[in-house]
Amino acid sequence: MGKIIIYDFDGTLTPYSIPKFGILEKCGFKDGTISLEFLDLVKLNMKEDNSTLYDSFVKVLFNLIKENDFLLTEENITFGYDNLQYNKGVLEFFDMLQESGVKNYLLSSGFKVCLEKTVISKYFEKIYGTLFSYGENKEINGIADMVSDLCKQDKIKEILENNNMKDTSEIIYIGDGLTDYYAMDYVKKNGGTSVLVYSDENDFIINQMEEKGVVSVKFLADYSDDSDLTLFIKKVCNIN
């Protein structure tokens, strides 16, 4: 049976660890990136509503879109996702794996409709992401099913079941941070390989994750053909 690689998205395959939304650029945020101003609004909402970080993030995002007179439609929320930047070598990496028989899965707390619009969506057997709920005229009015950090374990179990696997010995999970803790922990404890990728070798998250004992190996988030990360994946997957 061939190997299966499961990927986080933001920060793992892209150069930014927090989601980037083209619609935010239309709302006045430079390059559509999440600013300190945006995060301050999220923190304020968490305090006012006594809500989780993710719930507050979604509420602030939705409110900003509506306050700038945009409809909460899939077209608006996914704007720009077909033109994202990726870490070095990502596209060539997936082309290489496509010819090898390795199965790829995307597992993210990001919005599924956004992930499905990316140019790399075609490489995945299945994309797991947070689902919206809808009201009249197909307008988004909330979250129907969120892929939380802990929920990632359940999705990995589903992948195992769908591939008739009893454990994670043939699974490689690639992630970039604390939100991947539960996924990495489950994969590593059940015989698989957890790969932490980073853009800055001095990032404090690297030590935090290693201290938690959930990281098998760590590499710079460089997917070029001759990078340490790609050479490791090729070796583990028996790709010449």
C-alpha atoms as a PDB file:
ATOM      1  CA  MET A   1       0.000   0.000   0.000  1.00  0.00           C
ATOM      2  CA  GLY A   2       1.329   3.439  -0.934  1.00  0.00           C
ATOM      3  CA  LYS A   3       1.991   6.353   1.353  1.00  0.00           C
ATOM      4  CA  ILE A   4      -0.549   9.029   2.226  1.00  0.00           C
ATOM      5  CA  ILE A   5       0.492  12.611   2.938  1.00  0.00           C
ATOM      6  CA  ILE A   6      -1.859  14.899   4.853  1.00  0.00           C
ATOM      7  CA  TYR A   7      -1.180  18.632   4.769  1.00  0.00           C
ATOM      8  CA  ASP A   8      -2.197  21.632   6.772  1.00  0.00           C
ATOM      9  CA  PHE A   9      -2.621  24.669   4.503  1.00  0.00           C
ATOM     10  CA  ASP A  10      -1.804  28.142   5.849  1.00  0.00           C
ATOM     11  CA  GLY A  11       1.886  28.386   6.721  1.00  0.00           C
ATOM     12  CA  THR A  12       2.506  24.832   5.552  1.00  0.00           C
ATOM     13  CA  LEU A  13       1.930  25.237   1.827  1.00  0.00           C
ATOM     14  CA  THR A  14       1.660  29.044   1.804  1.00  0.00           C
ATOM     15  CA  PRO A  15       4.140  31.625   3.142  1.00  0.00           C
ATOM     16  CA  TYR A  16       1.598  33.141   5.555  1.00  0.00           C
ATOM     17  CA  SER A  17       0.445  31.321   8.682  1.00  0.00           C
ATOM     18  CA  ILE A  18      -2.858  33.225   8.903  1.00  0.00           C
ATOM     19  CA  PRO A  19      -5.415  33.023   6.061  1.00  0.00           C
ATOM     20  CA  LYS A  20      -5.267  35.725   3.404  1.00  0.00           C
ATOM     21  CA  PHE A  21      -8.522  37.022   1.915  1.00  0.00           C
ATOM     22  CA  GLY A  22      -8.746  39.045  -1.264  1.00  0.00           C
ATOM     23  CA  ILE A  23     -12.028  40.506  -0.036  1.00  0.00           C
ATOM     24  CA  LEU A  24     -10.167  42.147   2.862  1.00  0.00           C
ATOM     25  CA  GLU A  25      -8.072  44.096   0.369  1.00  0.00           C
ATOM     26  CA  LYS A  26     -11.330  45.469  -1.022  1.00  0.00           C
ATOM     27  CA  CYS A  27     -12.225  46.381   2.566  1.00  0.00           C
ATOM     28  CA  GLY A  28      -9.039  48.418   2.969  1.00  0.00           C
ATOM     29  CA  PHE A  29      -6.587  45.884   4.382  1.00  0.00           C
ATOM     30  CA  LYS A  30      -3.279  45.936   2.505  1.00  0.00           C
ATOM     31  CA  ASP A  31      -2.758  42.851   0.313  1.00  0.00           C
ATOM     32  CA  GLY A  32      -5.717  41.156   2.006  1.00  0.00           C
ATOM     33  CA  THR A  33      -3.583  40.068   4.945  1.00  0.00           C
ATOM     34  CA  ILE A  34      -4.750  39.873   8.538  1.00  0.00           C
ATOM     35  CA  SER A  35      -3.424  43.025  10.256  1.00  0.00           C
ATOM     36  CA  LEU A  36      -2.788  43.848  13.914  1.00  0.00           C
ATOM     37  CA  GLU A  37      -5.893  46.039  13.697  1.00  0.00           C
ATOM     38  CA  PHE A  38      -7.936  43.013  12.612  1.00  0.00           C
ATOM     39  CA  LEU A  39      -6.501  40.861  15.400  1.00  0.00           C
ATOM     40  CA  ASP A  40      -7.267  43.582  17.960  1.00  0.00           C
ATOM     41  CA  LEU A  41     -10.902  43.468  16.837  1.00  0.00           C
ATOM     42  CA  VAL A  42     -10.877  39.687  17.247  1.00  0.00           C
ATOM     43  CA  LYS A  43      -9.447  39.934  20.780  1.00  0.00           C
ATOM     44  CA  LEU A  44     -12.036  42.565  21.696  1.00  0.00           C
ATOM     45  CA  ASN A  45     -14.840  40.358  20.394  1.00  0.00           C
ATOM     46  CA  MET A  46     -13.514  37.374  22.343  1.00  0.00           C
ATOM     47  CA  LYS A  47     -13.719  39.428  25.526  1.00  0.00           C
ATOM     48  CA  GLU A  48     -17.147  40.905  24.782  1.00  0.00           C
ATOM     49  CA  ASP A  49     -18.778  37.646  23.659  1.00  0.00           C
ATOM     50  CA  ASN A  50     -16.703  35.285  25.803  1.00  0.00           C
ATOM     51  CA  SER A  51     -16.156  33.361  22.577  1.00  0.00           C
ATOM     52  CA  THR A  52     -13.370  31.268  21.098  1.00  0.00           C
ATOM     53  CA  LEU A  53     -10.635  32.690  18.916  1.00  0.00           C
ATOM     54  CA  TYR A  54     -12.048  30.999  15.820  1.00  0.00           C
ATOM     55  CA  ASP A  55     -15.632  32.131  16.433  1.00  0.00           C
ATOM     56  CA  SER A  56     -14.482  35.706  16.982  1.00  0.00           C
ATOM     57  CA  PHE A  57     -12.269  35.565  13.889  1.00  0.00           C
ATOM     58  CA  VAL A  58     -15.227  34.505  11.754  1.00  0.00           C
ATOM     59  CA  LYS A  59     -17.554  37.107  13.289  1.00  0.00           C
ATOM     60  CA  VAL A  60     -15.088  39.972  12.737  1.00  0.00           C
ATOM     61  CA  LEU A  61     -14.395  38.831   9.166  1.00  0.00           C
ATOM     62  CA  PHE A  62     -18.091  38.583   8.309  1.00  0.00           C
ATOM     63  CA  ASN A  63     -18.880  41.948   9.934  1.00  0.00           C
ATOM     64  CA  LEU A  64     -16.090  43.724   8.045  1.00  0.00           C
ATOM     65  CA  ILE A  65     -17.324  42.331   4.746  1.00  0.00           C
ATOM     66  CA  LYS A  66     -20.897  43.422   5.438  1.00  0.00           C
ATOM     67  CA  GLU A  67     -19.859  46.835   6.811  1.00  0.00           C
ATOM     68  CA  ASN A  68     -18.089  47.500   3.500  1.00  0.00           C
ATOM     69  CA  ASP A  69     -21.315  46.737   1.607  1.00  0.00           C
ATOM     70  CA  PHE A  70     -20.268  43.361   0.230  1.00  0.00           C
ATOM     71  CA  LEU A  71     -22.562  40.359   0.286  1.00  0.00           C
ATOM     72  CA  LEU A  72     -21.503  37.278   2.204  1.00  0.00           C
ATOM     73  CA  THR A  73     -21.413  35.055  -0.851  1.00  0.00           C
ATOM     74  CA  GLU A  74     -18.990  32.317  -1.832  1.00  0.00           C
ATOM     75  CA  GLU A  75     -17.836  34.491  -4.712  1.00  0.00           C
ATOM     76  CA  ASN A  76     -16.767  37.263  -2.338  1.00  0.00           C
ATOM     77  CA  ILE A  77     -15.325  35.092   0.446  1.00  0.00           C
ATOM     78  CA  THR A  78     -13.221  33.067  -2.027  1.00  0.00           C
ATOM     79  CA  PHE A  79     -12.030  36.094  -4.013  1.00  0.00           C
ATOM     80  CA  GLY A  80      -8.293  35.836  -4.673  1.00  0.00           C
ATOM     81  CA  TYR A  81      -7.924  32.201  -3.639  1.00  0.00           C
ATOM     82  CA  ASP A  82      -7.145  31.205  -7.220  1.00  0.00           C
ATOM     83  CA  ASN A  83      -4.114  33.498  -7.114  1.00  0.00           C
ATOM     84  CA  LEU A  84      -2.401  32.723  -3.808  1.00  0.00           C
ATOM     85  CA  GLN A  85       1.339  32.520  -3.290  1.00  0.00           C
ATOM     86  CA  TYR A  86       2.826  29.187  -2.243  1.00  0.00           C
ATOM     87  CA  ASN A  87       6.043  28.160  -0.585  1.00  0.00           C
ATOM     88  CA  LYS A  88       8.975  27.544  -2.880  1.00  0.00           C
ATOM     89  CA  GLY A  89       8.575  24.480  -5.105  1.00  0.00           C
ATOM     90  CA  VAL A  90       5.052  23.525  -3.984  1.00  0.00           C
ATOM     91  CA  LEU A  91       3.548  23.147  -7.457  1.00  0.00           C
ATOM     92  CA  GLU A  92       6.459  21.091  -8.765  1.00  0.00           C
ATOM     93  CA  PHE A  93       6.368  18.997  -5.602  1.00  0.00           C
ATOM     94  CA  PHE A  94       2.750  18.006  -6.205  1.00  0.00           C
ATOM     95  CA  ASP A  95       3.447  17.294  -9.875  1.00  0.00           C
ATOM     96  CA  MET A  96       6.194  14.922  -8.776  1.00  0.00           C
ATOM     97  CA  LEU A  97       3.977  13.163  -6.232  1.00  0.00           C
ATOM     98  CA  GLN A  98       1.133  12.833  -8.723  1.00  0.00           C
ATOM     99  CA  GLU A  99       3.313  10.571 -10.847  1.00  0.00           C
ATOM    100  CA  SER A 100       4.455   8.505  -7.843  1.00  0.00           C
ATOM    101  CA  GLY A 101       1.127   7.107  -6.665  1.00  0.00           C
ATOM    102  CA  VAL A 102       1.253   8.894  -3.318  1.00  0.00           C
ATOM    103  CA  LYS A 103      -2.186  10.062  -2.146  1.00  0.00           C
ATOM    104  CA  ASN A 104      -2.518  13.637  -0.880  1.00  0.00           C
ATOM    105  CA  TYR A 105      -5.144  15.001   1.498  1.00  0.00           C
ATOM    106  CA  LEU A 106      -5.680  18.594   2.633  1.00  0.00           C
ATOM    107  CA  LEU A 107      -6.798  19.035   6.253  1.00  0.00           C
ATOM    108  CA  SER A 108      -7.353  22.598   7.405  1.00  0.00           C
ATOM    109  CA  SER A 109      -9.583  24.686   9.642  1.00  0.00           C
ATOM    110  CA  GLY A 110      -9.784  27.114   6.713  1.00  0.00           C
ATOM    111  CA  PHE A 111     -12.991  27.511   4.741  1.00  0.00           C
ATOM    112  CA  LYS A 112     -13.476  24.547   2.418  1.00  0.00           C
ATOM    113  CA  VAL A 113     -14.957  26.616  -0.435  1.00  0.00           C
ATOM    114  CA  CYS A 114     -11.800  28.748  -0.387  1.00  0.00           C
ATOM    115  CA  LEU A 115      -9.460  25.753  -0.383  1.00  0.00           C
ATOM    116  CA  GLU A 116     -11.375  24.199  -3.279  1.00  0.00           C
ATOM    117  CA  LYS A 117     -10.711  27.289  -5.390  1.00  0.00           C
ATOM    118  CA  THR A 118      -6.917  27.086  -5.091  1.00  0.00           C
ATOM    119  CA  VAL A 119      -4.787  25.981  -8.043  1.00  0.00           C
ATOM    120  CA  ILE A 120      -3.494  23.063  -5.966  1.00  0.00           C
ATOM    121  CA  SER A 121      -6.948  21.679  -5.106  1.00  0.00           C
ATOM    122  CA  LYS A 122      -6.718  19.273  -8.048  1.00  0.00           C
ATOM    123  CA  TYR A 123      -3.896  17.372  -6.353  1.00  0.00           C
ATOM    124  CA  PHE A 124      -5.902  16.192  -3.349  1.00  0.00           C
ATOM    125  CA  GLU A 125      -7.963  13.041  -2.963  1.00  0.00           C
ATOM    126  CA  LYS A 126     -10.174  15.021  -0.603  1.00  0.00           C
ATOM    127  CA  ILE A 127     -10.174  18.453   1.009  1.00  0.00           C
ATOM    128  CA  TYR A 128     -11.292  18.739   4.621  1.00  0.00           C
ATOM    129  CA  GLY A 129     -12.209  22.255   5.704  1.00  0.00           C
ATOM    130  CA  THR A 130     -14.721  24.294   7.655  1.00  0.00           C
ATOM    131  CA  LEU A 131     -18.200  24.369   6.109  1.00  0.00           C
ATOM    132  CA  PHE A 132     -20.576  27.342   5.945  1.00  0.00           C
ATOM    133  CA  SER A 133     -24.283  27.454   6.638  1.00  0.00           C
ATOM    134  CA  TYR A 134     -26.466  29.415   4.222  1.00  0.00           C
ATOM    135  CA  GLY A 135     -29.601  31.516   4.280  1.00  0.00           C
ATOM    136  CA  GLU A 136     -31.690  33.059   1.540  1.00  0.00           C
ATOM    137  CA  ASN A 137     -30.137  33.668  -1.880  1.00  0.00           C
ATOM    138  CA  LYS A 138     -27.236  31.384  -0.912  1.00  0.00           C
ATOM    139  CA  GLU A 139     -25.773  34.023   1.400  1.00  0.00           C
ATOM    140  CA  ILE A 140     -23.432  32.698   4.105  1.00  0.00           C
ATOM    141  CA  ASN A 141     -24.876  33.174   7.574  1.00  0.00           C
ATOM    142  CA  GLY A 142     -22.560  31.156   9.784  1.00  0.00           C
ATOM    143  CA  ILE A 143     -20.508  28.018  10.330  1.00  0.00           C
ATOM    144  CA  ALA A 144     -22.171  24.632   9.842  1.00  0.00           C
ATOM    145  CA  ASP A 145     -19.184  22.412  10.648  1.00  0.00           C
ATOM    146  CA  MET A 146     -15.813  23.614  11.885  1.00  0.00           C
ATOM    147  CA  VAL A 147     -12.605  21.645  11.541  1.00  0.00           C
ATOM    148  CA  SER A 148     -11.089  22.431  14.927  1.00  0.00           C
ATOM    149  CA  ASP A 149      -7.572  21.483  16.000  1.00  0.00           C
ATOM    150  CA  LEU A 150      -8.872  18.442  17.893  1.00  0.00           C
ATOM    151  CA  CYS A 151     -11.309  17.534  15.116  1.00  0.00           C
ATOM    152  CA  LYS A 152      -8.336  16.910  12.829  1.00  0.00           C
ATOM    153  CA  GLN A 153      -7.806  13.596  14.607  1.00  0.00           C
ATOM    154  CA  ASP A 154     -11.291  12.448  13.601  1.00  0.00           C
ATOM    155  CA  LYS A 155     -10.631  13.392   9.978  1.00  0.00           C
ATOM    156  CA  ILE A 156      -7.383  11.409   9.993  1.00  0.00           C
ATOM    157  CA  LYS A 157      -9.275   8.403  11.366  1.00  0.00           C
ATOM    158  CA  GLU A 158     -11.744   8.808   8.488  1.00  0.00           C
ATOM    159  CA  ILE A 159      -8.877   8.838   5.989  1.00  0.00           C
ATOM    160  CA  LEU A 160      -7.506   5.645   7.549  1.00  0.00           C
ATOM    161  CA  GLU A 161     -10.902   3.952   7.350  1.00  0.00           C
ATOM    162  CA  ASN A 162     -11.445   4.992   3.732  1.00  0.00           C
ATOM    163  CA  ASN A 163      -8.059   3.524   2.805  1.00  0.00           C
ATOM    164  CA  ASN A 164      -8.480   0.311   4.852  1.00  0.00           C
ATOM    165  CA  MET A 165      -5.586   1.209   7.133  1.00  0.00           C
ATOM    166  CA  LYS A 166      -5.378   0.011  10.741  1.00  0.00           C
ATOM    167  CA  ASP A 167      -2.810   2.564  11.903  1.00  0.00           C
ATOM    168  CA  THR A 168      -0.867   5.594  10.670  1.00  0.00           C
ATOM    169  CA  SER A 169       2.328   3.759   9.745  1.00  0.00           C
ATOM    170  CA  GLU A 170       1.892   4.771   6.090  1.00  0.00           C
ATOM    171  CA  ILE A 171       0.807   8.330   6.962  1.00  0.00           C
ATOM    172  CA  ILE A 172       2.916  11.486   6.802  1.00  0.00           C
ATOM    173  CA  TYR A 173       1.419  14.632   8.307  1.00  0.00           C
ATOM    174  CA  ILE A 174       2.936  18.014   7.410  1.00  0.00           C
ATOM    175  CA  GLY A 175       2.075  21.076   9.480  1.00  0.00           C
ATOM    176  CA  ASP A 176       3.601  24.322  10.666  1.00  0.00           C
ATOM    177  CA  GLY A 177       2.455  25.066  14.194  1.00  0.00           C
ATOM    178  CA  LEU A 178       0.475  24.680  17.375  1.00  0.00           C
ATOM    179  CA  THR A 179      -2.834  24.171  15.557  1.00  0.00           C
ATOM    180  CA  ASP A 180      -1.346  20.919  14.225  1.00  0.00           C
ATOM    181  CA  TYR A 181      -0.563  19.554  17.679  1.00  0.00           C
ATOM    182  CA  TYR A 182      -3.412  17.039  17.934  1.00  0.00           C
ATOM    183  CA  ALA A 183      -2.973  15.819  14.352  1.00  0.00           C
ATOM    184  CA  MET A 184       0.773  15.354  14.770  1.00  0.00           C
ATOM    185  CA  ASP A 185       0.325  13.703  18.151  1.00  0.00           C
ATOM    186  CA  TYR A 186      -2.162  11.167  16.772  1.00  0.00           C
ATOM    187  CA  VAL A 187      -0.110  10.361  13.680  1.00  0.00           C
ATOM    188  CA  LYS A 188       3.182   9.981  15.558  1.00  0.00           C
ATOM    189  CA  LYS A 189       1.742   7.899  18.413  1.00  0.00           C
ATOM    190  CA  ASN A 190       0.138   5.490  15.967  1.00  0.00           C
ATOM    191  CA  GLY A 191       3.250   4.764  13.926  1.00  0.00           C
ATOM    192  CA  GLY A 192       3.278   7.576  11.381  1.00  0.00           C
ATOM    193  CA  THR A 193       5.580  10.474  10.630  1.00  0.00           C
ATOM    194  CA  SER A 194       4.892  14.051  11.688  1.00  0.00           C
ATOM    195  CA  VAL A 195       6.782  16.741   9.795  1.00  0.00           C
ATOM    196  CA  LEU A 196       7.054  20.291  11.126  1.00  0.00           C
ATOM    197  CA  VAL A 197       7.871  22.900   8.497  1.00  0.00           C
ATOM    198  CA  TYR A 198       8.992  26.450   9.241  1.00  0.00           C
ATOM    199  CA  SER A 199      10.019  29.625   7.445  1.00  0.00           C
ATOM    200  CA  ASP A 200      12.258  30.921  10.245  1.00  0.00           C
ATOM    201  CA  GLU A 201      14.564  28.532  12.091  1.00  0.00           C
ATOM    202  CA  ASN A 202      14.463  30.846  15.104  1.00  0.00           C
ATOM    203  CA  ASP A 203      10.676  30.660  15.427  1.00  0.00           C
ATOM    204  CA  PHE A 204       9.790  29.896  19.072  1.00  0.00           C
ATOM    205  CA  ILE A 205       7.029  27.541  17.879  1.00  0.00           C
ATOM    206  CA  ILE A 206       9.659  25.029  16.736  1.00  0.00           C
ATOM    207  CA  ASN A 207      10.910  24.525  20.302  1.00  0.00           C
ATOM    208  CA  GLN A 208       7.382  24.450  21.671  1.00  0.00           C
ATOM    209  CA  MET A 209       6.326  21.702  19.296  1.00  0.00           C
ATOM    210  CA  GLU A 210       9.495  19.677  19.852  1.00  0.00           C
ATOM    211  CA  GLU A 211       9.086  19.949  23.625  1.00  0.00           C
ATOM    212  CA  LYS A 212       5.569  18.518  23.272  1.00  0.00           C
ATOM    213  CA  GLY A 213       7.135  15.422  21.680  1.00  0.00           C
ATOM    214  CA  VAL A 214       4.894  15.372  18.615  1.00  0.00           C
ATOM    215  CA  VAL A 215       7.482  16.156  15.914  1.00  0.00           C
ATOM    216  CA  SER A 216       9.264  13.345  14.063  1.00  0.00           C
ATOM    217  CA  VAL A 217      11.371  15.647  11.879  1.00  0.00           C
ATOM    218  CA  LYS A 218      11.511  19.350  11.002  1.00  0.00           C
ATOM    219  CA  PHE A 219      12.479  21.136   7.789  1.00  0.00           C
ATOM    220  CA  LEU A 220      12.493  24.532   6.152  1.00  0.00           C
ATOM    221  CA  ALA A 221       9.221  24.937   4.213  1.00  0.00           C
ATOM    222  CA  ASP A 222      11.022  24.578   0.892  1.00  0.00           C
ATOM    223  CA  TYR A 223       9.491  22.039  -1.494  1.00  0.00           C
ATOM    224  CA  SER A 224      12.082  22.433  -4.245  1.00  0.00           C
ATOM    225  CA  ASP A 225      13.275  19.217  -5.845  1.00  0.00           C
ATOM    226  CA  ASP A 226      16.649  19.257  -4.061  1.00  0.00           C
ATOM    227  CA  SER A 227      15.451  20.586  -0.699  1.00  0.00           C
ATOM    228  CA  ASP A 228      15.909  18.592   2.512  1.00  0.00           C
ATOM    229  CA  LEU A 229      12.132  18.328   2.875  1.00  0.00           C
ATOM    230  CA  THR A 230      11.545  16.912  -0.598  1.00  0.00           C
ATOM    231  CA  LEU A 231      14.527  14.558  -0.385  1.00  0.00           C
ATOM    232  CA  PHE A 232      13.128  13.225   2.905  1.00  0.00           C
ATOM    233  CA  ILE A 233       9.639  12.716   1.423  1.00  0.00           C
ATOM    234  CA  LYS A 234      11.121  10.940  -1.581  1.00  0.00           C
ATOM    235  CA  LYS A 235      13.112   8.628   0.682  1.00  0.00           C
ATOM    236  CA  VAL A 236      10.172   7.764   2.944  1.00  0.00           C
ATOM    237  CA  CYS A 237       7.862   7.247  -0.060  1.00  0.00           C
ATOM    238  CA  ASN A 238      10.459   5.244  -2.023  1.00  0.00           C
ATOM    239  CA  ILE A 239      10.464   7.707  -4.908  1.00  0.00           C
ATOM    240  CA  ASN A 240      13.528   7.639  -7.122  1.00  0.00           C
END
